[in-house]
Amino acid sequence: MFYAKAMRACGPRGFYAIWGHHGRHGFGGRHGSGERGSRRRVFDSGELRLVLLKLIEEIPRHGYDLIREIEDRTGGAYVPSPGVVYPTLTLLHDMDLIEEEKSDGARKRFSITQAGAVHLTEKTQEVDAAMAKLAEMGAHRERTEGMPIRRAMGNLRQVLQHRLVRDDVTTELQYEVAALLDEVSQKIERL
């Protein structure tokens, strides 16, 4: 109900200027923000293979370690699902690009093979581009979802939720809120 009222109050331009495509949880929420729970495709399968292989070249890793490393490098903007990572590791193993190391636990830790190192060398430009994409995602996340902005967005969300769901909300109030939000949006665009 809040979102319908907020959309009516702000109009599509004002509402999306504030909320963007970040879904009902806004900035810092789970759905649509790229954090855990989001399953948008960031890399095609070839790119992901190269990213995983490059990370394994840096240091032998378990599948879970690879997922966490990608999450860390993107600032939480992208967390590949185990349903994508583990089959890709199996493929890299089948291609003899990685090998399983002996380990005490149930987790399989992989290291790069000589063939894997050669493969990375042959694909240097693609590897660099894929790793740059990871870094850019992290930098973008840091620029757009820094703590002061996240705090301010949370405050705005709370105020809108509490104010626009009350019974005394009039059409005039909705226009006033929309005008304020549009004004702030325009000021931010001019920064």
N, C-alpha and C. Protein backbone atom coordinates (compact mmCIF):
# COMPACT_ATOMS: atom_id res chain seq x y z
N MET A 1 0.83 -1.18 0.00
CA MET A 1 0.00 0.00 0.00
C MET A 1 0.88 1.26 0.00
N PHE A 2 1.97 1.24 0.79
CA PHE A 2 2.87 2.39 0.83
C PHE A 2 3.40 2.74 -0.55
N TYR A 3 3.80 1.74 -1.29
CA TYR A 3 4.42 1.99 -2.59
C TYR A 3 3.43 2.56 -3.59
N ALA A 4 2.19 2.09 -3.52
CA ALA A 4 1.17 2.63 -4.41
C ALA A 4 0.92 4.10 -4.08
N LYS A 5 0.83 4.41 -2.79
CA LYS A 5 0.63 5.80 -2.38
C LYS A 5 1.84 6.65 -2.74
N ALA A 6 3.03 6.12 -2.50
CA ALA A 6 4.25 6.88 -2.81
C ALA A 6 4.35 7.13 -4.31
N MET A 7 3.98 6.15 -5.10
CA MET A 7 4.03 6.30 -6.56
C MET A 7 3.04 7.37 -7.00
N ARG A 8 1.83 7.34 -6.41
CA ARG A 8 0.85 8.37 -6.75
C ARG A 8 1.34 9.74 -6.30
N ALA A 9 1.96 9.79 -5.12
CA ALA A 9 2.41 11.06 -4.59
C ALA A 9 3.57 11.64 -5.39
N CYS A 10 4.49 10.79 -5.78
CA CYS A 10 5.71 11.26 -6.44
C CYS A 10 5.60 11.28 -7.94
N GLY A 11 4.74 10.45 -8.48
CA GLY A 11 4.75 10.25 -9.92
C GLY A 11 5.92 9.34 -10.26
N PRO A 12 5.89 8.70 -11.42
CA PRO A 12 6.94 7.75 -11.75
C PRO A 12 8.33 8.36 -11.74
N ARG A 13 8.48 9.57 -12.28
CA ARG A 13 9.81 10.17 -12.36
C ARG A 13 10.38 10.44 -10.98
N GLY A 14 9.58 11.05 -10.11
CA GLY A 14 10.05 11.35 -8.76
C GLY A 14 10.31 10.10 -7.95
N PHE A 15 9.41 9.13 -8.04
CA PHE A 15 9.56 7.89 -7.29
C PHE A 15 10.82 7.15 -7.70
N TYR A 16 11.02 6.98 -9.00
CA TYR A 16 12.19 6.23 -9.46
C TYR A 16 13.48 7.02 -9.33
N ALA A 17 13.39 8.34 -9.29
CA ALA A 17 14.59 9.12 -9.04
C ALA A 17 15.10 8.82 -7.63
N ILE A 18 14.19 8.60 -6.71
CA ILE A 18 14.58 8.28 -5.34
C ILE A 18 14.86 6.78 -5.18
N TRP A 19 13.95 5.94 -5.66
CA TRP A 19 14.05 4.52 -5.40
C TRP A 19 14.79 3.76 -6.49
N GLY A 20 14.86 4.32 -7.70
CA GLY A 20 15.54 3.63 -8.79
C GLY A 20 14.95 2.26 -9.01
N HIS A 21 15.80 1.32 -9.35
CA HIS A 21 15.36 -0.05 -9.61
C HIS A 21 15.64 -0.91 -8.40
N HIS A 22 15.80 -0.31 -7.22
CA HIS A 22 16.27 -1.06 -6.07
C HIS A 22 15.18 -1.82 -5.34
N GLY A 23 14.00 -1.82 -5.87
CA GLY A 23 12.96 -2.65 -5.29
C GLY A 23 12.43 -2.11 -3.98
N ARG A 24 11.62 -2.90 -3.32
CA ARG A 24 10.93 -2.41 -2.15
C ARG A 24 11.83 -2.25 -0.94
N HIS A 25 13.03 -2.82 -0.98
CA HIS A 25 13.93 -2.70 0.15
C HIS A 25 14.86 -1.50 0.02
N GLY A 26 14.82 -0.79 -1.10
CA GLY A 26 15.65 0.39 -1.27
C GLY A 26 17.13 0.06 -1.28
N PHE A 27 17.96 1.06 -1.09
CA PHE A 27 19.40 0.86 -1.05
C PHE A 27 19.75 0.02 0.16
N GLY A 28 20.68 -0.90 -0.03
CA GLY A 28 21.14 -1.71 1.08
C GLY A 28 20.23 -2.88 1.39
N GLY A 29 19.11 -2.99 0.72
CA GLY A 29 18.22 -4.13 0.94
C GLY A 29 18.70 -5.33 0.16
N ARG A 30 18.02 -6.43 0.31
CA ARG A 30 18.49 -7.65 -0.32
C ARG A 30 18.04 -7.76 -1.77
N HIS A 31 16.79 -7.57 -2.06
CA HIS A 31 16.28 -7.86 -3.38
C HIS A 31 16.55 -6.73 -4.34
N GLY A 32 17.21 -7.04 -5.44
CA GLY A 32 17.45 -6.07 -6.48
C GLY A 32 18.67 -5.23 -6.26
N SER A 33 19.29 -5.28 -5.10
CA SER A 33 20.45 -4.45 -4.86
C SER A 33 21.73 -5.16 -5.22
N GLY A 34 21.63 -6.43 -5.53
CA GLY A 34 22.82 -7.17 -5.89
C GLY A 34 23.40 -7.90 -4.70
N GLU A 35 22.87 -7.67 -3.52
CA GLU A 35 23.39 -8.37 -2.38
C GLU A 35 22.90 -9.80 -2.39
N ARG A 36 23.35 -10.53 -1.43
CA ARG A 36 22.98 -11.93 -1.35
C ARG A 36 21.48 -12.08 -1.53
N GLY A 37 21.07 -12.96 -2.37
CA GLY A 37 19.66 -13.12 -2.67
C GLY A 37 19.37 -12.66 -4.09
N SER A 38 20.18 -11.77 -4.60
CA SER A 38 20.00 -11.32 -5.98
C SER A 38 20.67 -12.32 -6.91
N ARG A 39 20.02 -12.66 -7.99
CA ARG A 39 20.58 -13.66 -8.88
C ARG A 39 20.68 -13.15 -10.31
N ARG A 40 21.02 -11.88 -10.46
CA ARG A 40 21.18 -11.36 -11.81
C ARG A 40 22.47 -11.87 -12.41
N ARG A 41 22.48 -12.07 -13.71
CA ARG A 41 23.65 -12.58 -14.41
C ARG A 41 24.60 -11.42 -14.67
N VAL A 42 25.82 -11.55 -14.16
CA VAL A 42 26.84 -10.53 -14.33
C VAL A 42 27.85 -10.94 -15.38
N PHE A 43 28.22 -12.21 -15.35
CA PHE A 43 29.20 -12.74 -16.28
C PHE A 43 28.57 -13.84 -17.12
N ASP A 44 29.00 -13.94 -18.37
CA ASP A 44 28.59 -15.12 -19.12
C ASP A 44 29.46 -16.27 -18.62
N SER A 45 29.16 -17.48 -19.03
CA SER A 45 29.85 -18.64 -18.46
C SER A 45 31.35 -18.61 -18.74
N GLY A 46 31.75 -18.12 -19.90
CA GLY A 46 33.18 -18.03 -20.22
C GLY A 46 33.91 -17.04 -19.34
N GLU A 47 33.27 -15.91 -19.08
CA GLU A 47 33.88 -14.91 -18.19
C GLU A 47 34.01 -15.45 -16.77
N LEU A 48 32.96 -16.10 -16.29
CA LEU A 48 33.01 -16.63 -14.94
C LEU A 48 34.10 -17.69 -14.81
N ARG A 49 34.25 -18.52 -15.83
CA ARG A 49 35.33 -19.51 -15.80
C ARG A 49 36.68 -18.83 -15.64
N LEU A 50 36.89 -17.75 -16.38
CA LEU A 50 38.17 -17.04 -16.31
C LEU A 50 38.36 -16.37 -14.95
N VAL A 51 37.30 -15.79 -14.41
CA VAL A 51 37.40 -15.17 -13.09
C VAL A 51 37.76 -16.21 -12.04
N LEU A 52 37.06 -17.33 -12.03
CA LEU A 52 37.35 -18.38 -11.05
C LEU A 52 38.77 -18.91 -11.22
N LEU A 53 39.17 -19.12 -12.45
CA LEU A 53 40.52 -19.62 -12.71
C LEU A 53 41.57 -18.62 -12.23
N LYS A 54 41.36 -17.34 -12.49
CA LYS A 54 42.30 -16.30 -12.05
C LYS A 54 42.38 -16.25 -10.53
N LEU A 55 41.24 -16.35 -9.86
CA LEU A 55 41.24 -16.32 -8.40
C LEU A 55 41.95 -17.55 -7.82
N ILE A 56 41.78 -18.68 -8.47
CA ILE A 56 42.46 -19.90 -8.03
C ILE A 56 43.96 -19.78 -8.28
N GLU A 57 44.33 -19.09 -9.36
CA GLU A 57 45.76 -18.88 -9.63
C GLU A 57 46.39 -18.06 -8.50
N GLU A 58 45.66 -17.07 -8.00
CA GLU A 58 46.18 -16.22 -6.93
C GLU A 58 46.47 -17.02 -5.68
N ILE A 59 45.54 -17.90 -5.33
CA ILE A 59 45.68 -18.75 -4.14
C ILE A 59 44.71 -19.92 -4.27
N PRO A 60 45.12 -21.13 -3.93
CA PRO A 60 44.18 -22.25 -3.99
C PRO A 60 42.96 -21.97 -3.11
N ARG A 61 41.78 -22.32 -3.62
CA ARG A 61 40.54 -21.96 -2.93
C ARG A 61 39.49 -23.07 -3.04
N HIS A 62 38.59 -23.04 -2.06
CA HIS A 62 37.37 -23.85 -2.08
C HIS A 62 36.31 -23.07 -2.85
N GLY A 63 35.25 -23.75 -3.27
CA GLY A 63 34.15 -23.08 -3.95
C GLY A 63 33.56 -21.96 -3.11
N TYR A 64 33.36 -22.24 -1.83
CA TYR A 64 32.80 -21.22 -0.93
C TYR A 64 33.73 -20.01 -0.85
N ASP A 65 35.05 -20.26 -0.79
CA ASP A 65 36.02 -19.16 -0.75
C ASP A 65 35.91 -18.30 -2.01
N LEU A 66 35.69 -18.92 -3.13
CA LEU A 66 35.55 -18.18 -4.38
C LEU A 66 34.31 -17.29 -4.37
N ILE A 67 33.22 -17.82 -3.87
CA ILE A 67 31.99 -17.03 -3.78
C ILE A 67 32.22 -15.82 -2.88
N ARG A 68 32.83 -16.02 -1.73
CA ARG A 68 33.09 -14.92 -0.79
C ARG A 68 34.08 -13.91 -1.37
N GLU A 69 35.09 -14.37 -2.09
CA GLU A 69 36.08 -13.46 -2.69
C GLU A 69 35.42 -12.56 -3.73
N ILE A 70 34.55 -13.13 -4.55
CA ILE A 70 33.84 -12.32 -5.55
C ILE A 70 32.92 -11.33 -4.84
N GLU A 71 32.24 -11.77 -3.81
CA GLU A 71 31.39 -10.86 -3.03
C GLU A 71 32.22 -9.72 -2.45
N ASP A 72 33.38 -10.03 -1.89
CA ASP A 72 34.25 -9.00 -1.30
C ASP A 72 34.74 -8.02 -2.36
N ARG A 73 35.16 -8.53 -3.50
CA ARG A 73 35.71 -7.66 -4.54
C ARG A 73 34.66 -6.75 -5.17
N THR A 74 33.42 -7.16 -5.11
CA THR A 74 32.36 -6.31 -5.66
C THR A 74 31.64 -5.51 -4.58
N GLY A 75 32.14 -5.58 -3.36
CA GLY A 75 31.48 -4.86 -2.27
C GLY A 75 30.08 -5.38 -2.00
N GLY A 76 29.84 -6.65 -2.31
CA GLY A 76 28.53 -7.25 -2.10
C GLY A 76 27.57 -7.03 -3.26
N ALA A 77 28.02 -6.35 -4.30
CA ALA A 77 27.14 -6.08 -5.44
C ALA A 77 26.81 -7.34 -6.22
N TYR A 78 27.68 -8.32 -6.17
CA TYR A 78 27.43 -9.57 -6.89
C TYR A 78 27.91 -10.74 -6.06
N VAL A 79 27.03 -11.70 -5.88
CA VAL A 79 27.35 -12.94 -5.17
C VAL A 79 26.91 -14.08 -6.07
N PRO A 80 27.85 -14.74 -6.74
CA PRO A 80 27.44 -15.84 -7.61
C PRO A 80 26.85 -16.98 -6.80
N SER A 81 25.87 -17.64 -7.37
CA SER A 81 25.22 -18.73 -6.65
C SER A 81 26.08 -19.98 -6.69
N PRO A 82 25.98 -20.80 -5.64
CA PRO A 82 26.69 -22.07 -5.66
C PRO A 82 26.28 -22.93 -6.86
N GLY A 83 25.04 -22.77 -7.33
CA GLY A 83 24.55 -23.52 -8.48
C GLY A 83 25.22 -23.14 -9.78
N VAL A 84 25.95 -22.04 -9.78
CA VAL A 84 26.73 -21.63 -10.95
C VAL A 84 28.21 -21.93 -10.70
N VAL A 85 28.69 -21.65 -9.51
CA VAL A 85 30.12 -21.79 -9.20
C VAL A 85 30.56 -23.25 -9.22
N TYR A 86 29.85 -24.12 -8.53
CA TYR A 86 30.31 -25.50 -8.42
C TYR A 86 30.32 -26.24 -9.77
N PRO A 87 29.29 -26.10 -10.60
CA PRO A 87 29.38 -26.74 -11.92
C PRO A 87 30.53 -26.15 -12.77
N THR A 88 30.80 -24.86 -12.60
CA THR A 88 31.91 -24.25 -13.34
C THR A 88 33.24 -24.82 -12.85
N LEU A 89 33.37 -25.04 -11.57
CA LEU A 89 34.59 -25.67 -11.04
C LEU A 89 34.74 -27.09 -11.59
N THR A 90 33.63 -27.81 -11.67
CA THR A 90 33.67 -29.16 -12.23
C THR A 90 34.14 -29.10 -13.68
N LEU A 91 33.64 -28.15 -14.43
CA LEU A 91 34.06 -27.98 -15.82
C LEU A 91 35.55 -27.65 -15.92
N LEU A 92 36.01 -26.72 -15.10
CA LEU A 92 37.44 -26.37 -15.10
C LEU A 92 38.29 -27.59 -14.75
N HIS A 93 37.81 -28.40 -13.83
CA HIS A 93 38.53 -29.63 -13.46
C HIS A 93 38.53 -30.61 -14.63
N ASP A 94 37.38 -30.77 -15.27
CA ASP A 94 37.28 -31.68 -16.43
C ASP A 94 38.17 -31.21 -17.58
N MET A 95 38.38 -29.91 -17.69
CA MET A 95 39.23 -29.35 -18.74
C MET A 95 40.71 -29.40 -18.35
N ASP A 96 41.01 -29.94 -17.17
CA ASP A 96 42.38 -30.03 -16.63
C ASP A 96 43.02 -28.66 -16.42
N LEU A 97 42.20 -27.67 -16.12
CA LEU A 97 42.72 -26.33 -15.86
C LEU A 97 42.94 -26.11 -14.36
N ILE A 98 42.25 -26.89 -13.53
CA ILE A 98 42.46 -26.88 -12.08
C ILE A 98 42.53 -28.32 -11.61
N GLU A 99 43.11 -28.48 -10.41
CA GLU A 99 43.16 -29.81 -9.82
C GLU A 99 42.79 -29.72 -8.35
N GLU A 100 42.23 -30.80 -7.86
CA GLU A 100 41.84 -30.84 -6.46
C GLU A 100 43.06 -31.12 -5.61
N GLU A 101 43.21 -30.35 -4.55
CA GLU A 101 44.30 -30.58 -3.61
C GLU A 101 43.82 -31.51 -2.51
N LYS A 102 44.73 -32.19 -1.90
CA LYS A 102 44.39 -33.03 -0.76
C LYS A 102 44.00 -32.12 0.40
N SER A 103 42.89 -32.44 1.06
CA SER A 103 42.46 -31.65 2.20
C SER A 103 41.85 -32.56 3.25
N ASP A 104 41.82 -32.06 4.48
CA ASP A 104 41.30 -32.86 5.59
C ASP A 104 39.78 -32.91 5.61
N GLY A 105 39.13 -31.82 5.27
CA GLY A 105 37.68 -31.73 5.37
C GLY A 105 36.98 -32.20 4.11
N ALA A 106 35.68 -31.97 4.10
CA ALA A 106 34.85 -32.37 2.97
C ALA A 106 34.96 -31.38 1.81
N ARG A 107 35.41 -30.17 2.10
CA ARG A 107 35.53 -29.17 1.05
C ARG A 107 36.69 -29.50 0.11
N LYS A 108 36.42 -29.31 -1.16
CA LYS A 108 37.46 -29.52 -2.17
C LYS A 108 38.15 -28.21 -2.44
N ARG A 109 39.46 -28.19 -2.21
CA ARG A 109 40.23 -26.99 -2.52
C ARG A 109 40.95 -27.23 -3.83
N PHE A 110 40.89 -26.22 -4.70
CA PHE A 110 41.47 -26.35 -6.03
C PHE A 110 42.67 -25.44 -6.20
N SER A 111 43.62 -25.93 -6.99
CA SER A 111 44.77 -25.12 -7.40
C SER A 111 44.84 -25.18 -8.92
N ILE A 112 45.54 -24.23 -9.49
CA ILE A 112 45.63 -24.15 -10.94
C ILE A 112 46.67 -25.16 -11.45
N THR A 113 46.44 -25.70 -12.62
CA THR A 113 47.40 -26.61 -13.26
C THR A 113 48.27 -25.81 -14.23
N GLN A 114 49.27 -26.43 -14.76
CA GLN A 114 50.11 -25.79 -15.77
C GLN A 114 49.25 -25.39 -16.98
N ALA A 115 48.35 -26.28 -17.38
CA ALA A 115 47.46 -25.98 -18.50
C ALA A 115 46.56 -24.78 -18.18
N GLY A 116 46.15 -24.66 -16.93
CA GLY A 116 45.33 -23.53 -16.50
C GLY A 116 46.10 -22.22 -16.58
N ALA A 117 47.37 -22.26 -16.17
CA ALA A 117 48.21 -21.06 -16.25
C ALA A 117 48.41 -20.64 -17.70
N VAL A 118 48.62 -21.62 -18.58
CA VAL A 118 48.79 -21.33 -20.01
C VAL A 118 47.49 -20.74 -20.56
N HIS A 119 46.36 -21.31 -20.16
CA HIS A 119 45.06 -20.82 -20.62
C HIS A 119 44.86 -19.35 -20.22
N LEU A 120 45.21 -19.01 -18.98
CA LEU A 120 45.09 -17.63 -18.53
C LEU A 120 45.99 -16.70 -19.35
N THR A 121 47.18 -17.16 -19.65
CA THR A 121 48.10 -16.36 -20.45
C THR A 121 47.54 -16.13 -21.85
N GLU A 122 46.96 -17.16 -22.43
CA GLU A 122 46.37 -17.03 -23.77
C GLU A 122 45.17 -16.10 -23.78
N LYS A 123 44.49 -15.98 -22.66
CA LYS A 123 43.27 -15.18 -22.56
C LYS A 123 43.49 -13.92 -21.72
N THR A 124 44.70 -13.38 -21.75
CA THR A 124 45.05 -12.26 -20.88
C THR A 124 44.07 -11.09 -20.99
N GLN A 125 43.74 -10.69 -22.19
CA GLN A 125 42.83 -9.54 -22.37
C GLN A 125 41.46 -9.82 -21.78
N GLU A 126 40.92 -11.01 -22.02
CA GLU A 126 39.60 -11.35 -21.49
C GLU A 126 39.62 -11.45 -19.96
N VAL A 127 40.72 -12.00 -19.42
CA VAL A 127 40.86 -12.10 -17.97
C VAL A 127 40.92 -10.70 -17.37
N ASP A 128 41.74 -9.83 -17.96
CA ASP A 128 41.86 -8.47 -17.46
C ASP A 128 40.51 -7.75 -17.50
N ALA A 129 39.77 -7.95 -18.58
CA ALA A 129 38.46 -7.30 -18.70
C ALA A 129 37.48 -7.82 -17.65
N ALA A 130 37.48 -9.12 -17.41
CA ALA A 130 36.58 -9.70 -16.41
C ALA A 130 36.95 -9.25 -15.01
N MET A 131 38.24 -9.19 -14.71
CA MET A 131 38.67 -8.76 -13.39
C MET A 131 38.40 -7.26 -13.21
N ALA A 132 38.54 -6.50 -14.28
CA ALA A 132 38.22 -5.07 -14.23
C ALA A 132 36.73 -4.87 -13.96
N LYS A 133 35.91 -5.75 -14.53
CA LYS A 133 34.46 -5.66 -14.29
C LYS A 133 34.16 -5.87 -12.80
N LEU A 134 34.85 -6.83 -12.18
CA LEU A 134 34.68 -7.05 -10.74
C LEU A 134 35.06 -5.78 -9.96
N ALA A 135 36.21 -5.22 -10.30
CA ALA A 135 36.69 -4.03 -9.60
C ALA A 135 35.74 -2.86 -9.80
N GLU A 136 35.24 -2.69 -11.01
CA GLU A 136 34.33 -1.58 -11.29
C GLU A 136 33.02 -1.74 -10.53
N MET A 137 32.54 -2.97 -10.42
CA MET A 137 31.32 -3.20 -9.65
C MET A 137 31.52 -2.79 -8.19
N GLY A 138 32.68 -3.13 -7.64
CA GLY A 138 32.98 -2.75 -6.26
C GLY A 138 33.08 -1.25 -6.11
N ALA A 139 33.76 -0.59 -7.06
CA ALA A 139 33.92 0.86 -7.01
C ALA A 139 32.56 1.56 -7.17
N HIS A 140 31.74 1.04 -8.09
CA HIS A 140 30.41 1.62 -8.29
C HIS A 140 29.57 1.48 -7.03
N ARG A 141 29.62 0.33 -6.43
CA ARG A 141 28.86 0.09 -5.19
C ARG A 141 29.29 1.05 -4.10
N GLU A 142 30.60 1.24 -4.00
CA GLU A 142 31.13 2.15 -2.98
C GLU A 142 30.68 3.59 -3.23
N ARG A 143 30.69 4.00 -4.49
CA ARG A 143 30.28 5.37 -4.84
C ARG A 143 28.80 5.60 -4.61
N THR A 144 27.99 4.61 -4.94
CA THR A 144 26.54 4.82 -4.93
C THR A 144 25.85 4.40 -3.64
N GLU A 145 26.50 3.57 -2.86
CA GLU A 145 25.82 3.09 -1.66
C GLU A 145 26.66 3.27 -0.42
N GLY A 146 27.39 4.38 -0.37
CA GLY A 146 28.18 4.68 0.81
C GLY A 146 27.30 4.85 2.03
N MET A 147 27.89 4.75 3.18
CA MET A 147 27.13 4.79 4.43
C MET A 147 26.29 6.06 4.60
N PRO A 148 26.80 7.26 4.31
CA PRO A 148 25.94 8.44 4.50
C PRO A 148 24.70 8.40 3.59
N ILE A 149 24.89 7.95 2.35
CA ILE A 149 23.75 7.88 1.43
C ILE A 149 22.78 6.80 1.89
N ARG A 150 23.29 5.67 2.29
CA ARG A 150 22.44 4.58 2.76
C ARG A 150 21.62 5.02 3.98
N ARG A 151 22.27 5.73 4.91
CA ARG A 151 21.56 6.22 6.09
C ARG A 151 20.46 7.20 5.69
N ALA A 152 20.80 8.14 4.81
CA ALA A 152 19.81 9.13 4.38
C ALA A 152 18.65 8.48 3.64
N MET A 153 18.94 7.50 2.79
CA MET A 153 17.87 6.80 2.07
C MET A 153 16.97 6.05 3.05
N GLY A 154 17.58 5.45 4.06
CA GLY A 154 16.79 4.76 5.08
C GLY A 154 15.88 5.71 5.84
N ASN A 155 16.43 6.89 6.17
CA ASN A 155 15.61 7.90 6.85
C ASN A 155 14.44 8.32 5.97
N LEU A 156 14.72 8.59 4.69
CA LEU A 156 13.65 8.99 3.77
C LEU A 156 12.59 7.91 3.66
N ARG A 157 13.02 6.67 3.54
CA ARG A 157 12.08 5.56 3.43
C ARG A 157 11.18 5.49 4.65
N GLN A 158 11.77 5.62 5.83
CA GLN A 158 10.99 5.55 7.07
C GLN A 158 9.97 6.68 7.14
N VAL A 159 10.42 7.90 6.81
CA VAL A 159 9.51 9.05 6.86
C VAL A 159 8.35 8.86 5.89
N LEU A 160 8.65 8.44 4.66
CA LEU A 160 7.60 8.24 3.68
C LEU A 160 6.64 7.14 4.11
N GLN A 161 7.20 6.05 4.65
CA GLN A 161 6.34 4.96 5.09
C GLN A 161 5.37 5.42 6.18
N HIS A 162 5.89 6.15 7.14
CA HIS A 162 5.05 6.57 8.26
C HIS A 162 4.07 7.67 7.87
N ARG A 163 4.51 8.57 7.02
CA ARG A 163 3.64 9.72 6.71
C ARG A 163 2.59 9.42 5.65
N LEU A 164 2.94 8.69 4.62
CA LEU A 164 2.02 8.51 3.50
C LEU A 164 1.00 7.39 3.70
N VAL A 165 1.11 6.64 4.76
CA VAL A 165 0.12 5.59 4.99
C VAL A 165 -0.96 6.01 5.99
N ARG A 166 -0.81 7.19 6.53
CA ARG A 166 -1.82 7.68 7.48
C ARG A 166 -3.12 7.99 6.76
N ASP A 167 -4.21 7.98 7.51
CA ASP A 167 -5.54 8.22 6.95
C ASP A 167 -5.75 9.67 6.51
N ASP A 168 -4.98 10.59 7.06
CA ASP A 168 -5.19 12.01 6.74
C ASP A 168 -4.40 12.47 5.51
N VAL A 169 -3.90 11.55 4.71
CA VAL A 169 -3.14 11.91 3.51
C VAL A 169 -4.12 12.41 2.45
N THR A 170 -3.92 13.66 2.05
CA THR A 170 -4.77 14.27 1.04
C THR A 170 -4.03 14.34 -0.29
N THR A 171 -4.75 14.64 -1.32
CA THR A 171 -4.15 14.82 -2.64
C THR A 171 -3.16 15.99 -2.59
N GLU A 172 -3.52 17.04 -1.87
CA GLU A 172 -2.63 18.20 -1.74
C GLU A 172 -1.31 17.80 -1.08
N LEU A 173 -1.39 17.01 -0.03
CA LEU A 173 -0.16 16.54 0.63
C LEU A 173 0.68 15.69 -0.32
N GLN A 174 0.04 14.84 -1.08
CA GLN A 174 0.76 14.02 -2.04
C GLN A 174 1.52 14.89 -3.04
N TYR A 175 0.88 15.95 -3.52
CA TYR A 175 1.55 16.85 -4.45
C TYR A 175 2.73 17.58 -3.78
N GLU A 176 2.55 17.96 -2.51
CA GLU A 176 3.64 18.62 -1.78
C GLU A 176 4.84 17.69 -1.64
N VAL A 177 4.58 16.45 -1.26
CA VAL A 177 5.66 15.47 -1.13
C VAL A 177 6.33 15.24 -2.48
N ALA A 178 5.53 15.08 -3.51
CA ALA A 178 6.08 14.87 -4.85
C ALA A 178 6.96 16.04 -5.27
N ALA A 179 6.51 17.27 -4.98
CA ALA A 179 7.29 18.46 -5.33
C ALA A 179 8.62 18.49 -4.58
N LEU A 180 8.60 18.14 -3.31
CA LEU A 180 9.84 18.09 -2.54
C LEU A 180 10.81 17.05 -3.10
N LEU A 181 10.28 15.87 -3.38
CA LEU A 181 11.13 14.81 -3.91
C LEU A 181 11.69 15.17 -5.28
N ASP A 182 10.86 15.77 -6.13
CA ASP A 182 11.33 16.21 -7.44
C ASP A 182 12.41 17.28 -7.31
N GLU A 183 12.23 18.19 -6.36
CA GLU A 183 13.21 19.26 -6.15
C GLU A 183 14.55 18.67 -5.72
N VAL A 184 14.52 17.75 -4.78
CA VAL A 184 15.76 17.10 -4.32
C VAL A 184 16.40 16.32 -5.46
N SER A 185 15.59 15.61 -6.24
CA SER A 185 16.11 14.85 -7.38
C SER A 185 16.83 15.75 -8.36
N GLN A 186 16.22 16.89 -8.65
CA GLN A 186 16.83 17.83 -9.60
C GLN A 186 18.13 18.41 -9.05
N LYS A 187 18.17 18.71 -7.76
CA LYS A 187 19.40 19.22 -7.16
C LYS A 187 20.52 18.18 -7.22
N ILE A 188 20.18 16.93 -6.96
CA ILE A 188 21.18 15.88 -7.02
C ILE A 188 21.69 15.70 -8.44
N GLU A 189 20.79 15.77 -9.41
CA GLU A 189 21.20 15.64 -10.82
C GLU A 189 22.18 16.74 -11.22
N ARG A 190 22.04 17.93 -10.63
CA ARG A 190 22.91 19.06 -10.99
C ARG A 190 24.26 19.01 -10.28
N LEU A 191 24.43 18.17 -9.29
CA LEU A 191 25.71 18.08 -8.55
C LEU A 191 26.85 17.67 -9.46
